[in-house]
C-alpha atoms as a PDB file:
ATOM      1  CA  UNK A   1      50.297  71.927 178.470  1.00  0.00           C
ATOM      2  CA  UNK A   2      47.897  74.809 177.949  1.00  0.00           C
ATOM      3  CA  UNK A   3      50.097  77.628 176.634  1.00  0.00           C
ATOM      4  CA  UNK A   4      52.816  77.666 173.961  1.00  0.00           C
ATOM      5  CA  UNK A   5      53.901  79.906 171.112  1.00  0.00           C
ATOM      6  CA  UNK A   6      56.685  80.368 168.555  1.00  0.00           C
ATOM      7  CA  UNK A   7      58.766  83.531 168.670  1.00  0.00           C
ATOM      8  CA  UNK A   8      61.866  85.161 167.241  1.00  0.00           C
ATOM      9  CA  UNK A   9      64.523  86.718 169.418  1.00  0.00           C
ATOM     10  CA  UNK A  10      64.758  90.505 169.042  1.00  0.00           C
ATOM     11  CA  UNK A  11      67.513  91.155 171.575  1.00  0.00           C
ATOM     12  CA  UNK A  12      68.122  92.168 175.179  1.00  0.00           C
ATOM     13  CA  UNK A  13      67.381  95.369 177.057  1.00  0.00           C
ATOM     14  CA  UNK A  14      66.478  96.438 180.582  1.00  0.00           C
ATOM     15  CA  UNK A  15      63.378  97.887 182.217  1.00  0.00           C
ATOM     16  CA  UNK A  16      62.329  99.110 185.640  1.00  0.00           C
ATOM     17  CA  UNK A  17      59.633  97.181 187.494  1.00  0.00           C
ATOM     18  CA  UNK A  18      56.965  98.672 189.744  1.00  0.00           C
ATOM     19  CA  UNK A  19      59.395  98.771 192.667  1.00  0.00           C
ATOM     20  CA  UNK A  20      61.981 100.705 190.658  1.00  0.00           C
ATOM     21  CA  UNK A  21      64.325  97.713 190.378  1.00  0.00           C
ATOM     22  CA  UNK A  22      66.299  97.360 187.147  1.00  0.00           C
ATOM     23  CA  UNK A  23      65.454  94.063 185.414  1.00  0.00           C
ATOM     24  CA  UNK A  24      67.386  92.653 182.417  1.00  0.00           C
ATOM     25  CA  UNK A  25      64.960  91.203 179.862  1.00  0.00           C
ATOM     26  CA  UNK A  26      64.998  89.438 176.508  1.00  0.00           C
ATOM     27  CA  UNK A  27      62.539  90.810 173.951  1.00  0.00           C
ATOM     28  CA  UNK A  28      60.721  88.161 171.895  1.00  0.00           C
ATOM     29  CA  UNK A  29      58.486  88.707 168.873  1.00  0.00           C
ATOM     30  CA  UNK A  30      55.883  86.098 169.819  1.00  0.00           C
ATOM     31  CA  UNK A  31      53.499  85.237 167.007  1.00  0.00           C
ATOM     32  CA  UNK A  32      51.029  85.636 165.642  1.00  0.00           C
ATOM     33  CA  UNK A  33      50.979  81.905 164.918  1.00  0.00           C
ATOM     34  CA  UNK A  34      48.178  80.255 162.941  1.00  0.00           C
ATOM     35  CA  UNK A  35      46.756  76.765 163.331  1.00  0.00           C
ATOM     36  CA  UNK A  36      47.634  74.761 160.201  1.00  0.00           C
ATOM     37  CA  UNK A  37      46.450  71.301 161.306  1.00  0.00           C
ATOM     38  CA  UNK A  38      44.637  69.657 164.195  1.00  0.00           C
ATOM     39  CA  UNK A  39      45.776  66.151 165.132  1.00  0.00           C
ATOM     40  CA  UNK A  40      43.113  63.894 166.638  1.00  0.00           C
ATOM     41  CA  UNK A  41      43.081  60.520 168.340  1.00  0.00           C
ATOM     42  CA  UNK A  42      40.906  59.052 165.574  1.00  0.00           C
ATOM     43  CA  UNK A  43      43.076  60.095 162.624  1.00  0.00           C
ATOM     44  CA  UNK A  44      46.584  60.405 164.083  1.00  0.00           C
ATOM     45  CA  UNK A  45      46.558  58.431 167.312  1.00  0.00           C
ATOM     46  CA  UNK A  46      47.224  61.472 169.479  1.00  0.00           C
ATOM     47  CA  UNK A  47      45.853  64.934 170.105  1.00  0.00           C
ATOM     48  CA  UNK A  48      47.890  68.007 169.136  1.00  0.00           C
ATOM     49  CA  UNK A  49      47.793  71.335 167.338  1.00  0.00           C
ATOM     50  CA  UNK A  50      50.150  72.153 164.468  1.00  0.00           C
ATOM     51  CA  UNK A  51      50.982  75.857 164.134  1.00  0.00           C
ATOM     52  CA  UNK A  52      52.827  77.899 161.517  1.00  0.00           C
ATOM     53  CA  UNK A  53      54.903  81.019 162.050  1.00  0.00           C
ATOM     54  CA  UNK A  54      56.463  83.646 159.710  1.00  0.00           C
ATOM     55  CA  UNK A  55      55.264  83.952 156.117  1.00  0.00           C
ATOM     56  CA  UNK A  56      57.287  82.284 153.371  1.00  0.00           C
ATOM     57  CA  UNK A  57      57.243  82.746 149.600  1.00  0.00           C
ATOM     58  CA  UNK A  58      56.073  79.914 147.369  1.00  0.00           C
ATOM     59  CA  UNK A  59      58.380  78.185 144.926  1.00  0.00           C
ATOM     60  CA  UNK A  60      57.449  79.315 141.407  1.00  0.00           C
ATOM     61  CA  UNK A  61      58.348  77.379 138.255  1.00  0.00           C
ATOM     62  CA  UNK A  62      58.081  79.136 134.890  1.00  0.00           C
ATOM     63  CA  UNK A  63      58.608  77.753 131.391  1.00  0.00           C
ATOM     64  CA  UNK A  64      60.260  79.695 128.594  1.00  0.00           C
ATOM     65  CA  UNK A  65      59.388  79.425 124.907  1.00  0.00           C
ATOM     66  CA  UNK A  66      61.478  76.272 124.508  1.00  0.00           C
ATOM     67  CA  UNK A  67      59.670  74.560 127.393  1.00  0.00           C
ATOM     68  CA  UNK A  68      62.666  74.686 129.713  1.00  0.00           C
ATOM     69  CA  UNK A  69      61.755  75.086 133.360  1.00  0.00           C
ATOM     70  CA  UNK A  70      63.043  78.062 135.289  1.00  0.00           C
ATOM     71  CA  UNK A  71      62.734  77.993 139.075  1.00  0.00           C
ATOM     72  CA  UNK A  72      62.029  81.238 140.909  1.00  0.00           C
ATOM     73  CA  UNK A  73      62.332  81.382 144.697  1.00  0.00           C
ATOM     74  CA  UNK A  74      64.150  78.045 144.771  1.00  0.00           C
ATOM     75  CA  UNK A  75      63.998  77.891 148.569  1.00  0.00           C
ATOM     76  CA  UNK A  76      60.302  78.698 148.701  1.00  0.00           C
ATOM     77  CA  UNK A  77      57.433  76.418 149.708  1.00  0.00           C
ATOM     78  CA  UNK A  78      57.042  73.411 147.412  1.00  0.00           C
ATOM     79  CA  UNK A  79      53.712  72.193 145.971  1.00  0.00           C
ATOM     80  CA  UNK A  80      53.115  69.584 148.682  1.00  0.00           C
ATOM     81  CA  UNK A  81      53.550  72.171 151.414  1.00  0.00           C
ATOM     82  CA  UNK A  82      51.450  74.684 149.498  1.00  0.00           C
ATOM     83  CA  UNK A  83      48.592  72.177 149.393  1.00  0.00           C
ATOM     84  CA  UNK A  84      48.904  71.565 153.122  1.00  0.00           C
ATOM     85  CA  UNK A  85      48.627  75.270 153.935  1.00  0.00           C
ATOM     86  CA  UNK A  86      45.873  75.809 151.347  1.00  0.00           C
ATOM     87  CA  UNK A  87      43.799  73.123 153.042  1.00  0.00           C
ATOM     88  CA  UNK A  88      44.066  75.066 156.284  1.00  0.00           C
ATOM     89  CA  UNK A  89      43.203  78.310 154.501  1.00  0.00           C
ATOM     90  CA  UNK A  90      46.402  80.099 155.501  1.00  0.00           C
ATOM     91  CA  UNK A  91      49.441  81.458 153.703  1.00  0.00           C
ATOM     92  CA  UNK A  92      52.669  79.454 153.500  1.00  0.00           C
ATOM     93  CA  UNK A  93      54.740  79.486 156.681  1.00  0.00           C
ATOM     94  CA  UNK A  94      58.478  79.150 157.277  1.00  0.00           C
ATOM     95  CA  UNK A  95      58.275  77.360 160.632  1.00  0.00           C
ATOM     96  CA  UNK A  96      55.828  74.579 161.505  1.00  0.00           C
ATOM     97  CA  UNK A  97      55.695  72.983 164.957  1.00  0.00           C
ATOM     98  CA  UNK A  98      53.295  70.853 167.023  1.00  0.00           C
ATOM     99  CA  UNK A  99      52.041  71.535 170.512  1.00  0.00           C
ATOM    100  CA  UNK A 100      50.209  68.932 172.598  1.00  0.00           C
ATOM    101  CA  UNK A 101      47.666  71.259 174.170  1.00  0.00           C
ATOM    102  CA  UNK A 102      45.293  69.886 176.798  1.00  0.00           C
ATOM    103  CA  UNK A 103      42.443  71.647 174.986  1.00  0.00           C
ATOM    104  CA  UNK A 104      43.560  70.841 171.422  1.00  0.00           C
ATOM    105  CA  UNK A 105      39.989  69.990 170.409  1.00  0.00           C
ATOM    106  CA  UNK A 106      38.875  73.574 171.043  1.00  0.00           C
ATOM    107  CA  UNK A 107      41.099  75.013 168.294  1.00  0.00           C
ATOM    108  CA  UNK A 108      39.991  75.527 164.684  1.00  0.00           C
ATOM    109  CA  UNK A 109      41.966  75.711 161.434  1.00  0.00           C
ATOM    110  CA  UNK A 110      43.285  79.198 160.739  1.00  0.00           C
ATOM    111  CA  UNK A 111      42.866  80.345 164.347  1.00  0.00           C
ATOM    112  CA  UNK A 112      45.548  82.752 165.559  1.00  0.00           C
ATOM    113  CA  UNK A 113      47.665  82.295 168.667  1.00  0.00           C
ATOM    114  CA  UNK A 114      49.046  85.610 169.894  1.00  0.00           C
ATOM    115  CA  UNK A 115      51.269  86.804 172.696  1.00  0.00           C
ATOM    116  CA  UNK A 116      48.262  87.676 174.872  1.00  0.00           C
ATOM    117  CA  UNK A 117      47.844  84.003 175.845  1.00  0.00           C
ATOM    118  CA  UNK A 118      50.580  84.776 178.392  1.00  0.00           C
ATOM    119  CA  UNK A 119      50.424  87.218 181.277  1.00  0.00           C
ATOM    120  CA  UNK A 120      53.016  89.014 183.341  1.00  0.00           C
ATOM    121  CA  UNK A 121      54.207  86.700 186.072  1.00  0.00           C
ATOM    122  CA  UNK A 122      53.801  83.478 184.075  1.00  0.00           C
ATOM    123  CA  UNK A 123      56.658  80.988 184.208  1.00  0.00           C
ATOM    124  CA  UNK A 124      57.858  79.556 180.899  1.00  0.00           C
ATOM    125  CA  UNK A 125      60.538  77.339 179.335  1.00  0.00           C
ATOM    126  CA  UNK A 126      62.447  78.775 176.354  1.00  0.00           C
ATOM    127  CA  UNK A 127      64.061  76.450 173.778  1.00  0.00           C
ATOM    128  CA  UNK A 128      66.311  77.497 170.891  1.00  0.00           C
ATOM    129  CA  UNK A 129      69.490  76.536 169.047  1.00  0.00           C
ATOM    130  CA  UNK A 130      72.440  78.151 170.810  1.00  0.00           C
ATOM    131  CA  UNK A 131      75.063  80.310 169.136  1.00  0.00           C
ATOM    132  CA  UNK A 132      77.670  78.340 167.204  1.00  0.00           C
ATOM    133  CA  UNK A 133      81.261  78.884 168.343  1.00  0.00           C
ATOM    134  CA  UNK A 134      82.988  76.664 165.782  1.00  0.00           C
ATOM    135  CA  UNK A 135      85.978  74.501 166.742  1.00  0.00           C
ATOM    136  CA  UNK A 136      87.238  75.448 170.194  1.00  0.00           C
ATOM    137  CA  UNK A 137      89.907  74.185 172.556  1.00  0.00           C
ATOM    138  CA  UNK A 138      89.361  72.398 175.843  1.00  0.00           C
ATOM    139  CA  UNK A 139      89.808  75.583 177.890  1.00  0.00           C
ATOM    140  CA  UNK A 140      86.998  77.523 176.260  1.00  0.00           C
ATOM    141  CA  UNK A 141      84.802  74.539 175.453  1.00  0.00           C
ATOM    142  CA  UNK A 142      85.052  72.657 178.752  1.00  0.00           C
ATOM    143  CA  UNK A 143      86.566  75.152 181.183  1.00  0.00           C
ATOM    144  CA  UNK A 144      89.747  73.177 181.729  1.00  0.00           C
ATOM    145  CA  UNK A 145      92.773  74.817 183.350  1.00  0.00           C
ATOM    146  CA  UNK A 146      95.696  76.136 181.352  1.00  0.00           C
ATOM    147  CA  UNK A 147      99.348  75.436 182.017  1.00  0.00           C
ATOM    148  CA  UNK A 148     101.862  77.867 183.525  1.00  0.00           C
ATOM    149  CA  UNK A 149     102.503  80.932 181.393  1.00  0.00           C
ATOM    150  CA  UNK A 150     106.204  81.256 182.336  1.00  0.00           C
ATOM    151  CA  UNK A 151     108.818  81.745 179.678  1.00  0.00           C
ATOM    152  CA  UNK A 152     110.295  78.262 180.121  1.00  0.00           C
ATOM    153  CA  UNK A 153     106.987  76.428 180.024  1.00  0.00           C
ATOM    154  CA  UNK A 154     106.054  74.577 176.844  1.00  0.00           C
ATOM    155  CA  UNK A 155     102.504  73.840 178.028  1.00  0.00           C
ATOM    156  CA  UNK A 156     100.106  76.795 177.904  1.00  0.00           C
ATOM    157  CA  UNK A 157      96.673  76.205 176.452  1.00  0.00           C
ATOM    158  CA  UNK A 158      97.022  72.599 175.340  1.00  0.00           C
ATOM    159  CA  UNK A 159      94.951  69.794 176.828  1.00  0.00           C
ATOM    160  CA  UNK A 160      96.544  67.812 179.655  1.00  0.00           C
ATOM    161  CA  UNK A 161      97.128  64.088 179.985  1.00  0.00           C
ATOM    162  CA  UNK A 162      94.619  61.766 178.336  1.00  0.00           C
ATOM    163  CA  UNK A 163      95.596  58.758 180.465  1.00  0.00           C
ATOM    164  CA  UNK A 164      98.432  56.354 181.231  1.00  0.00           C
ATOM    165  CA  UNK A 165     100.305  54.691 178.385  1.00  0.00           C
ATOM    166  CA  UNK A 166     100.332  50.993 179.390  1.00  0.00           C
ATOM    167  CA  UNK A 167      97.135  50.805 181.423  1.00  0.00           C
ATOM    168  CA  UNK A 168      94.408  51.240 180.268  1.00  0.00           C
ATOM    169  CA  UNK A 169      96.264  51.831 176.968  1.00  0.00           C
ATOM    170  CA  UNK A 170      93.348  53.796 175.555  1.00  0.00           C
ATOM    171  CA  UNK A 171      91.340  56.954 175.995  1.00  0.00           C
ATOM    172  CA  UNK A 172      87.987  56.480 177.717  1.00  0.00           C
ATOM    173  CA  UNK A 173      84.807  57.337 175.871  1.00  0.00           C
ATOM    174  CA  UNK A 174      83.390  60.716 176.805  1.00  0.00           C
ATOM    175  CA  UNK A 175      86.807  62.250 177.482  1.00  0.00           C
ATOM    176  CA  UNK A 176      86.502  66.028 177.187  1.00  0.00           C
ATOM    177  CA  UNK A 177      88.547  67.236 174.236  1.00  0.00           C
ATOM    178  CA  UNK A 178      88.657  70.114 171.771  1.00  0.00           C
ATOM    179  CA  UNK A 179      85.874  70.073 169.219  1.00  0.00           C
ATOM    180  CA  UNK A 180      82.750  71.740 167.897  1.00  0.00           C
ATOM    181  CA  UNK A 181      81.153  74.085 170.409  1.00  0.00           C
ATOM    182  CA  UNK A 182      77.628  75.452 170.417  1.00  0.00           C
ATOM    183  CA  UNK A 183      74.844  75.181 167.807  1.00  0.00           C
ATOM    184  CA  UNK A 184      72.858  72.691 169.896  1.00  0.00           C
ATOM    185  CA  UNK A 185      69.318  72.837 171.224  1.00  0.00           C
ATOM    186  CA  UNK A 186      69.230  74.477 174.656  1.00  0.00           C
ATOM    187  CA  UNK A 187      66.273  74.828 176.999  1.00  0.00           C
ATOM    188  CA  UNK A 188      66.225  77.319 179.874  1.00  0.00           C
ATOM    189  CA  UNK A 189      63.512  76.492 182.394  1.00  0.00           C
ATOM    190  CA  UNK A 190      61.358  78.509 184.735  1.00  0.00           C
ATOM    191  CA  UNK A 191      61.864  81.968 183.235  1.00  0.00           C
ATOM    192  CA  UNK A 192      59.520  84.752 184.311  1.00  0.00           C
ATOM    193  CA  UNK A 193      57.518  86.857 181.864  1.00  0.00           C
ATOM    194  CA  UNK A 194      57.917  90.425 183.055  1.00  0.00           C
ATOM    195  CA  UNK A 195      55.717  92.236 180.551  1.00  0.00           C
ATOM    196  CA  UNK A 196      53.391  91.452 177.624  1.00  0.00           C
ATOM    197  CA  UNK A 197      52.709  93.897 174.779  1.00  0.00           C
ATOM    198  CA  UNK A 198      49.548  92.503 173.180  1.00  0.00           C
ATOM    199  CA  UNK A 199      49.414  95.142 170.420  1.00  0.00           C
ATOM    200  CA  UNK A 200      52.926  94.439 169.115  1.00  0.00           C
ATOM    201  CA  UNK A 201      52.965  90.738 170.125  1.00  0.00           C
ATOM    202  CA  UNK A 202      56.045  91.182 172.297  1.00  0.00           C
ATOM    203  CA  UNK A 203      57.068  89.157 175.320  1.00  0.00           C
ATOM    204  CA  UNK A 204      59.655  90.507 177.761  1.00  0.00           C
ATOM    205  CA  UNK A 205      61.260  87.565 179.540  1.00  0.00           C
ATOM    206  CA  UNK A 206      63.495  88.081 182.566  1.00  0.00           C
ATOM    207  CA  UNK A 207      67.104  87.049 181.950  1.00  0.00           C
ATOM    208  CA  UNK A 208      68.789  85.524 178.927  1.00  0.00           C
ATOM    209  CA  UNK A 209      67.248  83.253 176.312  1.00  0.00           C
ATOM    210  CA  UNK A 210      69.416  80.912 174.175  1.00  0.00           C
ATOM    211  CA  UNK A 211      70.143  81.657 170.534  1.00  0.00           C
ATOM    212  CA  UNK A 212      71.349  84.614 168.464  1.00  0.00           C
ATOM    213  CA  UNK A 213      69.169  87.495 167.311  1.00  0.00           C
ATOM    214  CA  UNK A 214      66.370  86.467 164.901  1.00  0.00           C
ATOM    215  CA  UNK A 215      66.604  82.879 166.186  1.00  0.00           C
ATOM    216  CA  UNK A 216      63.453  80.792 166.435  1.00  0.00           C
ATOM    217  CA  UNK A 217      62.463  80.353 170.095  1.00  0.00           C
ATOM    218  CA  UNK A 218      59.783  78.007 171.403  1.00  0.00           C
ATOM    219  CA  UNK A 219      58.006  79.323 174.492  1.00  0.00           C
ATOM    220  CA  UNK A 220      56.029  76.856 176.614  1.00  0.00           C
ATOM    221  CA  UNK A 221      54.569  77.016 180.074  1.00  0.00           C
ATOM    222  CA  UNK A 222      57.128  75.624 182.475  1.00  0.00           C
ATOM    223  CA  UNK A 223      57.169  71.977 183.483  1.00  0.00           C
ATOM    224  CA  UNK A 224      58.423  72.942 186.923  1.00  0.00           C
ATOM    225  CA  UNK A 225      55.789  73.519 189.554  1.00  0.00           C
ATOM    226  CA  UNK A 226      56.615  75.867 192.412  1.00  0.00           C
ATOM    227  CA  UNK A 227      56.114  74.411 195.863  1.00  0.00           C
END
């Protein structure tokens, strides 16, 4: 892997390409990411680059006159994390991820990775946590058919038979049933980058990208190779 970056999802819009064709795109705020650590074969057993994205406040602990501790920014960066970022010479970051770049040894601590590492026409894979739908029935969750909607029917949107009573006398594992839907990691492969705005660090990716607005999205060069 040679190219990868962290981004947040801005939303969807549409643009016209050079041929005047309307193209639906997802707008991503890609970077800037900073290198917070460089993993090497000698120290860590593998080669990778750790990057941070989006600034985060530090956790501050004050003491009043009686010596009682008062925590400010309780969800901020703790002291261990602060030391890690201080060693790299960068401010505290909210998201930290690793990328196994082929040229990991060429990066330096504090170096920035911006949207301009990609170009229009590049193919990428986008990974994010999908929208959570809560508890849903089998029709919405699994696309199962509903029952007849006639007045005399007592079976509308319930799940159908789960199996015979005497044999096998149980429900098989993996049987599709109502349950929690969404909020899982989803990867969409082989998406095309339509446009890159290097000044604003924006990537316009053709089609839909998983996750709600403001979701963290990982953009990597695609693992699929076109024939």
